[in-house]
Amino acid sequence: MYVLIMVLSFCLALIILRVFSFHKGVYNSSGIKSISGMRALLASIVAFSHFAHYIYSLDGQWVFDKDYFAWFSEGNFFVNSGKFGVLLFFMISAFLFYRWLDNETLTPGQLTHKLLKSRIRRIVPMFWFSGFVIIAVGVVQGDLTYSLTAVKDAVLWLLFIGSYRMGDFLTADVNAGVEWTLRLEWLLYLSIPLIYVLNRATKGKYKTLLILGSIGVIFCVAVGLRLWGKTYTDPRPVLGFAMGYLAYKYRDMFAHYRTSSLAGFAVIVLSLFSLSFTSNTFWYLIFLCCLTVIFFIVSSGNAVFGILENKTLMSIGEVSYSLYLIHGVVLYFIKQIPETLYPHSFLFYTLLSTLFFVASFYVAKLTYLFVEKPFIGSSNKKKVAMKTSPTN
């Protein structure tokens, strides 16, 4: 039922966006179009995973956590949908950013400066904006009160190293706790200058080993955060960095998949399988393998029968970082509607989901235009295909 709600409401939302020319002002045809379309679907499925949690909990007890197990079930969709989006986003980030290591014209200092400057301009303004919205919500509803602890927690949160709490206020209630992935992405960005220096020192002989070794270190850090950190962290998507790098390294080998209908069909089948098959414990490796094949095909430029090159879809992809950060806020306001005011039915949930998608997409577009875009800049170096993850 919930999968059908997602499909119907997402299609209805796309129709509404197309009718009202959502693409104006945000459509970007540069880069790998198939990846742009993919990131729209990824951000949307992450958003719906949180919406599905909400509407399911209205009628039943939510049991789809790390202990849930079934070989094939709709419950696996609840468990896997968020993981699906995050893992592929991590592959995209690696695919795009490890290419910085191929630029031999820059000194280590120049590369570090350019990389960190681009990441700060791209990530921080929207992240801080979402943080200020969260703070405002907390103050208005009275759960966030002034104290030195709350101020310290807020500053740490804005620096990407905080927890889900600002004093007694739980930030995840407003933004669905999505910021945990950004911490791991920052580790990827910060590792690149170090790899660049070591790669130059070893004359490029151990480049792949250095990259995979750095990913191993990030994985260990993520495990530490999972075991001893104060916020949720899943270390397993870090493996996506390795798969994304391999897709970039061997991209020429997969170029012939670009126009393959059979490869496009494989993407659909593997997507359906990975969303319905268990990812519990070590079965996550099957999940990883399926998504790796999906990414190898899509990163070759395969648009899956043209779907991923749809102008509306690509436009959503362009604002996917804003969508990733802001959809939880939209959901928070939907949750404020008293349950007694609406029927608990398939039809109403579909309409409510459509409203959620449309509102999230338009809020993301506005924040992209007025928060993100002014800081991104418009120089030629910003026009390379490096805007294809929720954090790029």
Protein backbone atom coordinates (compact mmCIF):
# COMPACT_ATOMS: atom_id res chain seq x y z
CA MET A 1 0.00 0.00 0.00
CA TYR A 2 2.70 2.51 1.00
CA VAL A 3 4.82 1.81 -2.07
CA LEU A 4 1.77 2.45 -4.24
CA ILE A 5 1.10 5.67 -2.31
CA MET A 6 4.67 6.81 -3.05
CA VAL A 7 4.47 6.01 -6.76
CA LEU A 8 1.06 7.62 -7.27
CA SER A 9 1.77 10.73 -5.23
CA PHE A 10 5.20 11.25 -6.77
CA CYS A 11 3.76 10.98 -10.29
CA LEU A 12 0.96 13.39 -9.39
CA ALA A 13 3.53 15.80 -7.95
CA LEU A 14 5.60 15.64 -11.15
CA ILE A 15 2.51 16.43 -13.22
CA ILE A 16 1.73 19.44 -11.03
CA LEU A 17 5.32 20.65 -11.24
CA ARG A 18 5.33 20.26 -15.01
CA VAL A 19 2.05 22.18 -15.41
CA PHE A 20 3.40 25.07 -13.35
CA SER A 21 6.84 25.05 -15.04
CA PHE A 22 8.84 24.12 -11.96
CA HIS A 23 11.99 23.90 -14.08
CA LYS A 24 12.19 27.65 -14.74
CA GLY A 25 15.20 29.14 -13.01
CA VAL A 26 16.66 25.84 -11.81
CA TYR A 27 16.99 23.52 -14.81
CA ASN A 28 20.64 22.74 -15.54
CA SER A 29 21.56 20.63 -18.57
CA SER A 30 25.29 20.48 -17.83
CA GLY A 31 27.02 17.45 -16.40
CA ILE A 32 25.81 13.86 -16.61
CA LYS A 33 22.07 14.18 -17.05
CA SER A 34 21.31 10.68 -15.83
CA ILE A 35 22.99 11.43 -12.50
CA SER A 36 21.04 14.69 -12.18
CA GLY A 37 17.79 12.79 -12.66
CA MET A 38 18.93 10.08 -10.26
CA ARG A 39 19.64 12.47 -7.42
CA ALA A 40 16.05 13.77 -7.71
CA LEU A 41 14.73 10.26 -7.17
CA LEU A 42 17.19 9.62 -4.35
CA ALA A 43 16.31 12.77 -2.40
CA SER A 44 12.62 12.05 -2.98
CA ILE A 45 12.78 8.47 -1.71
CA VAL A 46 14.66 9.63 1.39
CA ALA A 47 11.94 12.22 1.95
CA PHE A 48 9.17 9.67 1.48
CA SER A 49 10.85 7.24 3.87
CA HIS A 50 10.28 9.81 6.63
CA PHE A 51 6.74 10.56 5.45
CA ALA A 52 5.91 6.83 5.35
CA HIS A 53 7.17 6.48 8.93
CA TYR A 54 4.73 9.19 9.98
CA ILE A 55 1.59 7.88 8.28
CA TYR A 56 2.33 4.25 9.17
CA SER A 57 2.70 5.20 12.83
CA LEU A 58 -0.76 6.79 12.75
CA ASP A 59 -2.34 3.37 12.30
CA GLY A 60 0.17 0.91 13.73
CA GLN A 61 3.36 0.41 15.70
CA TRP A 62 6.58 1.14 13.83
CA VAL A 63 8.84 -1.94 14.05
CA PHE A 64 11.08 -1.39 11.03
CA ASP A 65 14.38 -0.77 12.77
CA LYS A 66 17.76 -2.54 12.75
CA ASP A 67 16.22 -5.68 14.31
CA TYR A 68 13.53 -6.10 11.66
CA PHE A 69 14.03 -9.10 9.40
CA ALA A 70 12.05 -10.57 6.51
CA TRP A 71 13.43 -11.94 3.26
CA PHE A 72 10.97 -10.06 1.04
CA SER A 73 8.35 -7.64 2.36
CA GLU A 74 6.97 -4.13 2.20
CA GLY A 75 8.64 -3.72 5.57
CA ASN A 76 11.98 -3.95 3.80
CA PHE A 77 10.92 -0.93 1.76
CA PHE A 78 10.54 1.03 5.00
CA VAL A 79 13.96 -0.14 6.17
CA ASN A 80 15.78 0.20 2.86
CA SER A 81 14.38 3.31 1.18
CA GLY A 82 16.44 5.78 3.20
CA LYS A 83 19.52 3.57 2.91
CA PHE A 84 18.94 3.33 -0.83
CA GLY A 85 19.15 7.10 -1.25
CA VAL A 86 22.10 7.62 1.08
CA LEU A 87 24.26 4.82 -0.35
CA LEU A 88 23.83 6.00 -3.95
CA PHE A 89 24.43 9.62 -2.91
CA PHE A 90 27.74 8.53 -1.39
CA MET A 91 28.67 6.77 -4.63
CA ILE A 92 27.88 9.95 -6.54
CA SER A 93 30.06 12.05 -4.22
CA ALA A 94 33.04 9.71 -4.65
CA PHE A 95 32.52 9.56 -8.43
CA LEU A 96 32.67 13.34 -8.61
CA PHE A 97 35.26 14.31 -6.04
CA TYR A 98 38.02 11.77 -6.45
CA ARG A 99 38.54 13.30 -9.90
CA TRP A 100 40.17 16.22 -8.10
CA LEU A 101 43.15 13.93 -7.63
CA ASP A 102 43.71 13.87 -11.41
CA ASN A 103 44.40 17.61 -11.53
CA GLU A 104 48.18 17.73 -11.61
CA THR A 105 48.37 21.47 -12.36
CA LEU A 106 47.58 22.52 -8.78
CA THR A 107 49.89 22.62 -5.81
CA PRO A 108 48.61 20.86 -2.68
CA GLY A 109 47.85 24.26 -1.16
CA GLN A 110 45.90 25.42 -4.21
CA LEU A 111 43.89 22.20 -4.38
CA THR A 112 43.06 22.35 -0.68
CA HIS A 113 41.98 25.98 -0.96
CA LYS A 114 39.83 25.44 -4.05
CA LEU A 115 38.23 22.25 -2.75
CA LEU A 116 37.38 23.54 0.71
CA LYS A 117 36.20 26.89 -0.64
CA SER A 118 33.84 25.16 -3.07
CA ARG A 119 32.51 22.83 -0.36
CA ILE A 120 31.97 25.60 2.17
CA ARG A 121 30.14 27.78 -0.35
CA ARG A 122 28.03 24.87 -1.54
CA ILE A 123 27.15 23.22 1.77
CA VAL A 124 27.35 25.65 4.67
CA PRO A 125 24.84 28.42 3.74
CA MET A 126 21.92 26.04 3.24
CA PHE A 127 22.90 23.94 6.24
CA TRP A 128 23.02 27.02 8.46
CA PHE A 129 19.73 28.26 7.05
CA SER A 130 18.10 24.93 7.92
CA GLY A 131 19.68 25.18 11.36
CA PHE A 132 18.24 28.63 11.97
CA VAL A 133 14.81 27.37 10.89
CA ILE A 134 15.12 24.51 13.38
CA ILE A 135 16.17 26.94 16.13
CA ALA A 136 13.24 29.23 15.30
CA VAL A 137 10.79 26.32 15.49
CA GLY A 138 12.24 25.25 18.82
CA VAL A 139 11.96 28.75 20.27
CA VAL A 140 8.41 29.29 19.00
CA GLN A 141 7.11 25.98 20.32
CA GLY A 142 8.86 26.61 23.65
CA ASP A 143 11.09 23.52 23.71
CA LEU A 144 14.29 25.45 23.06
CA THR A 145 15.11 27.83 25.88
CA TYR A 146 18.22 29.89 26.44
CA SER A 147 21.02 28.23 28.34
CA LEU A 148 24.77 27.92 27.90
CA THR A 149 24.30 24.23 27.08
CA ALA A 150 21.75 25.01 24.37
CA VAL A 151 24.02 27.68 22.85
CA LYS A 152 27.00 25.31 22.86
CA ASP A 153 24.90 22.53 21.30
CA ALA A 154 23.63 24.89 18.61
CA VAL A 155 27.14 26.06 17.70
CA LEU A 156 28.41 22.48 17.51
CA TRP A 157 25.42 21.52 15.34
CA LEU A 158 26.16 24.39 12.94
CA LEU A 159 29.77 23.16 12.75
CA PHE A 160 28.59 19.65 11.73
CA ILE A 161 29.84 18.04 14.95
CA GLY A 162 26.85 18.40 17.26
CA SER A 163 24.25 15.93 18.41
CA TYR A 164 20.51 15.80 17.79
CA ARG A 165 19.94 17.98 20.84
CA MET A 166 20.12 21.68 21.54
CA GLY A 167 19.60 21.71 25.27
CA ASP A 168 16.36 19.76 25.79
CA PHE A 169 15.18 20.35 22.23
CA LEU A 170 15.42 17.41 19.80
CA THR A 171 16.40 18.76 16.36
CA ALA A 172 15.53 15.48 14.63
CA ASP A 173 11.86 16.16 15.38
CA VAL A 174 12.06 19.01 12.87
CA ASN A 175 14.54 17.90 10.18
CA ALA A 176 14.31 14.09 10.53
CA GLY A 177 17.97 13.92 11.64
CA VAL A 178 19.35 13.93 8.09
CA GLU A 179 22.57 15.80 8.89
CA TRP A 180 24.48 12.69 10.00
CA THR A 181 25.43 11.92 6.38
CA LEU A 182 27.09 15.33 5.98
CA ARG A 183 29.62 14.48 8.67
CA LEU A 184 30.78 11.47 6.69
CA GLU A 185 30.86 13.45 3.46
CA TRP A 186 33.07 16.06 5.12
CA LEU A 187 35.52 13.28 5.99
CA LEU A 188 35.63 12.42 2.28
CA TYR A 189 36.35 16.03 1.30
CA LEU A 190 39.02 16.48 3.98
CA SER A 191 40.78 13.26 2.96
CA ILE A 192 41.30 14.36 -0.64
CA PRO A 193 44.07 16.96 0.00
CA LEU A 194 46.00 14.44 2.09
CA ILE A 195 45.67 11.77 -0.60
CA TYR A 196 46.79 14.36 -3.17
CA VAL A 197 49.99 15.04 -1.23
CA LEU A 198 50.76 11.36 -0.67
CA ASN A 199 49.94 10.50 -4.27
CA ARG A 200 52.39 13.11 -5.51
CA ALA A 201 55.06 11.93 -3.09
CA THR A 202 54.71 8.36 -4.38
CA LYS A 203 54.48 9.51 -8.04
CA GLY A 204 51.00 8.05 -8.47
CA LYS A 205 52.08 4.45 -7.94
CA TYR A 206 49.66 3.78 -5.07
CA LYS A 207 46.78 6.08 -5.89
CA THR A 208 44.03 3.45 -5.71
CA LEU A 209 45.52 1.96 -2.55
CA LEU A 210 45.67 5.40 -0.93
CA ILE A 211 42.05 6.12 -1.82
CA LEU A 212 40.74 2.78 -0.60
CA GLY A 213 42.88 3.09 2.53
CA SER A 214 41.42 6.51 3.28
CA ILE A 215 37.91 5.10 2.81
CA GLY A 216 38.83 2.37 5.29
CA VAL A 217 39.84 5.05 7.81
CA ILE A 218 36.56 6.91 7.25
CA PHE A 219 34.70 3.64 7.76
CA CYS A 220 36.49 3.07 11.09
CA VAL A 221 35.68 6.62 12.20
CA ALA A 222 32.03 6.01 11.26
CA VAL A 223 32.03 2.78 13.29
CA GLY A 224 33.40 4.74 16.25
CA LEU A 225 30.66 7.34 15.87
CA ARG A 226 28.09 4.54 15.71
CA LEU A 227 29.38 2.91 18.88
CA TRP A 228 30.25 5.93 20.98
CA GLY A 229 28.76 8.98 19.27
CA LYS A 230 25.71 10.86 20.49
CA THR A 231 23.83 10.74 17.18
CA TYR A 232 22.80 8.06 14.73
CA THR A 233 25.49 7.07 12.24
CA ASP A 234 25.48 4.15 9.83
CA PRO A 235 29.05 3.30 8.72
CA ARG A 236 27.97 0.95 5.93
CA PRO A 237 27.21 3.62 3.28
CA VAL A 238 30.89 4.63 3.48
CA LEU A 239 31.50 1.53 1.34
CA GLY A 240 29.68 3.49 -1.35
CA PHE A 241 32.69 5.81 -1.57
CA ALA A 242 34.77 2.87 -2.77
CA MET A 243 32.16 1.83 -5.32
CA GLY A 244 31.81 5.39 -6.59
CA TYR A 245 35.56 5.67 -7.03
CA LEU A 246 35.72 2.38 -8.93
CA ALA A 247 32.90 3.58 -11.19
CA TYR A 248 34.98 6.68 -11.95
CA LYS A 249 38.26 4.79 -12.36
CA TYR A 250 36.78 2.26 -14.79
CA ARG A 251 34.22 4.56 -16.39
CA ASP A 252 35.48 3.85 -19.91
CA MET A 253 34.68 0.16 -19.45
CA PHE A 254 31.02 0.97 -18.85
CA ALA A 255 30.58 3.56 -21.61
CA HIS A 256 28.80 1.07 -23.87
CA TYR A 257 25.98 0.77 -21.31
CA ARG A 258 24.95 4.33 -22.06
CA THR A 259 22.52 3.32 -24.81
CA SER A 260 21.70 -0.19 -23.60
CA SER A 261 17.99 -0.88 -23.07
CA LEU A 262 18.89 -4.12 -21.29
CA ALA A 263 21.07 -2.17 -18.83
CA GLY A 264 18.21 0.27 -18.23
CA PHE A 265 15.87 -2.63 -17.54
CA ALA A 266 18.47 -4.05 -15.12
CA VAL A 267 18.43 -0.76 -13.18
CA ILE A 268 14.67 -1.03 -12.68
CA VAL A 269 14.77 -4.70 -11.67
CA LEU A 270 17.69 -4.25 -9.28
CA SER A 271 16.04 -1.19 -7.72
CA LEU A 272 12.84 -3.12 -7.02
CA PHE A 273 14.79 -6.08 -5.68
CA SER A 274 17.03 -4.01 -3.38
CA LEU A 275 14.06 -2.14 -1.94
CA SER A 276 12.15 -5.32 -1.14
CA PHE A 277 14.96 -7.71 -0.08
CA THR A 278 16.43 -7.61 3.42
CA SER A 279 19.50 -5.48 4.16
CA ASN A 280 19.75 -6.80 7.71
CA THR A 281 23.31 -7.19 9.07
CA PHE A 282 25.62 -8.82 6.50
CA TRP A 283 22.85 -9.01 3.91
CA TYR A 284 23.67 -5.35 3.37
CA LEU A 285 26.45 -6.61 1.07
CA ILE A 286 23.80 -7.88 -1.36
CA PHE A 287 22.16 -4.45 -1.15
CA LEU A 288 25.55 -2.84 -1.83
CA CYS A 289 26.22 -5.04 -4.86
CA CYS A 290 22.81 -4.26 -6.38
CA LEU A 291 23.24 -0.53 -5.97
CA THR A 292 26.79 -0.68 -7.29
CA VAL A 293 25.57 -2.22 -10.55
CA ILE A 294 22.81 0.42 -10.70
CA PHE A 295 25.34 3.19 -10.27
CA PHE A 296 27.82 1.81 -12.80
CA ILE A 297 25.04 1.84 -15.38
CA VAL A 298 23.56 5.25 -14.55
CA SER A 299 26.97 6.94 -14.23
CA SER A 300 27.74 5.74 -17.77
CA GLY A 301 24.99 8.11 -18.91
CA ASN A 302 22.17 5.57 -19.21
CA ALA A 303 18.95 7.53 -18.61
CA VAL A 304 16.80 4.39 -18.07
CA PHE A 305 14.54 4.77 -21.11
CA GLY A 306 14.84 8.57 -20.90
CA ILE A 307 13.27 8.82 -17.45
CA LEU A 308 16.34 10.31 -15.77
CA GLU A 309 16.64 13.02 -18.44
CA ASN A 310 13.14 14.34 -17.80
CA LYS A 311 13.41 18.13 -17.43
CA THR A 312 11.23 18.30 -14.31
CA LEU A 313 13.11 15.44 -12.68
CA MET A 314 16.48 17.01 -13.47
CA SER A 315 15.25 20.30 -12.01
CA ILE A 316 14.36 18.55 -8.77
CA GLY A 317 17.84 17.05 -8.89
CA GLU A 318 19.34 20.51 -9.12
CA VAL A 319 17.67 21.48 -5.82
CA SER A 320 18.20 18.07 -4.18
CA TYR A 321 20.52 19.35 -1.44
CA SER A 322 17.88 21.82 -0.30
CA LEU A 323 15.26 19.10 -0.62
CA TYR A 324 17.35 16.75 1.49
CA LEU A 325 17.72 19.30 4.28
CA ILE A 326 14.30 20.94 4.20
CA HIS A 327 11.79 18.13 3.60
CA GLY A 328 11.81 17.28 7.31
CA VAL A 329 10.71 20.82 8.11
CA VAL A 330 7.80 20.51 5.66
CA LEU A 331 6.86 17.20 7.25
CA TYR A 332 7.06 18.77 10.70
CA PHE A 333 4.38 21.31 9.75
CA ILE A 334 2.20 18.60 8.18
CA LYS A 335 2.41 16.73 11.48
CA GLN A 336 0.85 19.75 13.20
CA ILE A 337 -2.47 19.02 11.47
CA PRO A 338 -4.69 17.37 14.11
CA GLU A 339 -5.32 13.72 13.24
CA THR A 340 -9.01 14.15 13.98
CA LEU A 341 -9.35 16.46 10.97
CA TYR A 342 -8.62 13.86 8.32
CA PRO A 343 -9.62 10.26 7.52
CA HIS A 344 -7.04 7.50 7.74
CA SER A 345 -7.51 6.11 4.26
CA PHE A 346 -5.47 5.19 1.19
CA LEU A 347 -6.97 8.06 -0.82
CA PHE A 348 -6.29 10.69 1.80
CA TYR A 349 -2.75 9.46 2.47
CA THR A 350 -2.07 9.64 -1.27
CA LEU A 351 -3.34 13.22 -1.43
CA LEU A 352 -1.40 14.15 1.71
CA SER A 353 1.74 12.58 0.25
CA THR A 354 1.25 14.55 -2.97
CA LEU A 355 0.96 17.73 -0.91
CA PHE A 356 4.12 16.77 0.96
CA PHE A 357 6.07 16.23 -2.26
CA VAL A 358 4.85 19.39 -3.98
CA ALA A 359 5.42 21.57 -0.92
CA SER A 360 8.88 20.06 -0.32
CA PHE A 361 9.90 20.55 -3.96
CA TYR A 362 8.79 24.19 -4.05
CA VAL A 363 10.33 25.06 -0.69
CA ALA A 364 13.55 23.43 -1.90
CA LYS A 365 13.41 25.49 -5.09
CA LEU A 366 12.98 28.72 -3.13
CA THR A 367 15.84 27.93 -0.74
CA TYR A 368 18.02 26.91 -3.68
CA LEU A 369 17.38 30.20 -5.49
CA PHE A 370 17.69 32.50 -2.49
CA VAL A 371 20.06 30.65 -0.14
CA GLU A 372 22.20 28.22 -2.13
CA LYS A 373 22.62 29.83 -5.54
CA PRO A 374 23.91 33.24 -4.41
CA PHE A 375 26.86 31.51 -2.74
CA ILE A 376 27.62 28.96 -5.45
CA GLY A 377 28.83 31.54 -7.96
CA SER A 378 28.70 31.43 -11.71
CA SER A 379 32.29 31.13 -12.84
CA ASN A 380 33.23 28.49 -15.37
CA LYS A 381 34.84 26.26 -12.79
CA LYS A 382 31.44 25.96 -11.11
CA LYS A 383 29.92 24.61 -14.29
CA VAL A 384 31.74 21.31 -14.34
CA ALA A 385 29.63 18.27 -13.56
CA MET A 386 30.23 18.42 -9.86
CA LYS A 387 26.74 19.14 -8.60
CA THR A 388 25.35 15.66 -8.42
CA SER A 389 24.91 14.70 -4.79
CA PRO A 390 22.68 16.22 -2.17
CA THR A 391 25.81 17.86 -0.85
CA ASN A 392 27.34 18.98 -4.14
